[in-house]
Every structure is written in structure tokens, then in C-alpha cells.
Amino acid sequence: MSTVIMLSLVLMSLALCLTFVRLFRGPSLPDRVVALELFSSILVGFIGVVAIVSDVPSLLDVAIVMALMAFMAAIGFARFLERGGPRDD
């Protein structure tokens, strides 16, 4: 089981790094928003695996709060883009 956990942590770390690159190099704002949403989803999974490994159930509360904050950020970005996005004033 420890091999599966280590493999999942390594793959999620790699996915976080690649998503971080897309977040900063994204060609457009919607690409960056999707990358930020993916980043937060992977981070919630990472926290969940760490909670299982360390046997600390309070980390699951942290993962739930992180997921709720990511959801609210996605709604905020969607409303921002719906209203026209950034303006060049």
C-alpha cells in the first residue's frame, strides 16, 4: 500500500507542477482559470492522501474548506468573464 500512496503523491506533485506552468503561461484568461481550478482540485486530492497517510482526520476538514474556496473562486471568475473580463481603460 505504501508504494501506491507514494506513486499517487509523486503523480499528483507532477500534475501540480505542470498545472502551475499552465497557470502562468496560459495563452488566455479562461485557460488560466481552468488551470487554477485544476490546481485546487489536485491540491484537495493531495491533502486527502496526506490525511490518509498521516491518520489525521482534521486534514479532511482542510480539504473540504479548500474545495469550497476553489468553488467560490471559480464562480467569481465565471462572473468576471461573463461581465466582459478585463477592460483596457
Protein backbone atom coordinates (compact mmCIF):
# COMPACT_ATOMS: atom_id res chain seq x y z
CA MET A 1 0.00 0.00 0.00
CA SER A 2 2.87 2.39 0.67
CA THR A 3 4.00 2.02 -2.95
CA VAL A 4 0.58 3.06 -4.22
CA ILE A 5 0.48 6.04 -1.87
CA MET A 6 3.97 7.19 -2.86
CA LEU A 7 3.14 6.77 -6.55
CA SER A 8 -0.05 8.78 -6.19
CA LEU A 9 1.76 11.55 -4.29
CA VAL A 10 4.50 11.71 -6.92
CA LEU A 11 1.99 11.81 -9.79
CA MET A 12 -0.07 14.49 -8.08
CA SER A 13 3.09 16.52 -7.44
CA LEU A 14 3.98 16.26 -11.12
CA ALA A 15 0.44 17.27 -12.07
CA LEU A 16 0.65 20.25 -9.71
CA CYS A 17 3.91 21.37 -11.33
CA LEU A 18 2.51 21.07 -14.85
CA THR A 19 -0.68 22.88 -13.87
CA PHE A 20 1.38 25.63 -12.25
CA VAL A 21 3.24 26.10 -15.53
CA ARG A 22 -0.06 26.31 -17.44
CA LEU A 23 -1.34 28.79 -14.87
CA PHE A 24 1.46 31.24 -15.64
CA ARG A 25 2.00 30.53 -19.33
CA GLY A 26 -1.65 30.16 -20.31
CA PRO A 27 -2.37 31.94 -23.56
CA SER A 28 -5.67 33.40 -22.37
CA LEU A 29 -7.54 34.21 -19.18
CA PRO A 30 -10.03 31.31 -19.47
CA ASP A 31 -7.08 28.89 -19.78
CA ARG A 32 -5.65 30.29 -16.58
CA VAL A 33 -9.00 29.99 -14.81
CA VAL A 34 -9.29 26.33 -15.80
CA ALA A 35 -5.69 25.73 -14.68
CA LEU A 36 -6.43 27.35 -11.32
CA GLU A 37 -9.49 25.15 -10.86
CA LEU A 38 -7.47 22.06 -11.75
CA PHE A 39 -4.69 23.15 -9.40
CA SER A 40 -7.10 23.44 -6.49
CA SER A 41 -8.73 20.08 -7.28
CA ILE A 42 -5.37 18.33 -7.36
CA LEU A 43 -4.41 20.07 -4.12
CA VAL A 44 -7.59 18.80 -2.45
CA GLY A 45 -6.72 15.27 -3.56
CA PHE A 46 -3.16 15.71 -2.32
CA ILE A 47 -4.40 16.85 1.09
CA GLY A 48 -6.79 13.88 1.18
CA VAL A 49 -3.99 11.40 0.52
CA VAL A 50 -1.79 13.05 3.15
CA ALA A 51 -4.70 12.82 5.61
CA ILE A 52 -4.99 9.09 4.93
CA VAL A 53 -1.24 8.53 5.27
CA SER A 54 -0.77 10.57 8.44
CA ASP A 55 -4.06 9.38 10.00
CA VAL A 56 -5.05 12.95 10.90
CA PRO A 57 -8.78 13.35 10.25
CA SER A 58 -8.71 17.12 10.70
CA LEU A 59 -6.84 17.39 7.39
CA LEU A 60 -10.04 16.26 5.69
CA ASP A 61 -11.69 19.40 7.07
CA VAL A 62 -8.91 21.42 5.47
CA ALA A 63 -9.55 19.64 2.17
CA ILE A 64 -13.28 20.40 2.37
CA VAL A 65 -12.65 24.08 3.07
CA MET A 66 -10.12 24.20 0.22
CA ALA A 67 -12.68 22.66 -2.16
CA LEU A 68 -15.33 25.18 -1.11
CA MET A 69 -12.93 28.09 -1.60
CA ALA A 70 -11.96 26.78 -5.04
CA PHE A 71 -15.64 26.51 -5.96
CA MET A 72 -16.29 30.10 -4.87
CA ALA A 73 -13.24 31.31 -6.81
CA ALA A 74 -14.48 29.52 -9.93
CA ILE A 75 -17.87 31.20 -9.58
CA GLY A 76 -16.17 34.57 -9.12
CA PHE A 77 -14.01 34.14 -12.20
CA ALA A 78 -17.00 32.98 -14.25
CA ARG A 79 -18.98 36.06 -13.27
CA PHE A 80 -15.97 38.23 -14.04
CA LEU A 81 -15.64 36.73 -17.51
CA GLU A 82 -19.40 36.91 -18.07
CA ARG A 83 -19.39 40.63 -17.45
CA GLY A 84 -16.78 41.29 -20.09
CA GLY A 85 -13.48 40.39 -18.49
CA PRO A 86 -10.63 42.87 -18.12
CA ARG A 87 -11.06 46.30 -19.67
CA ASP A 88 -8.38 48.45 -21.21
CA ASP A 89 -9.15 51.81 -19.60
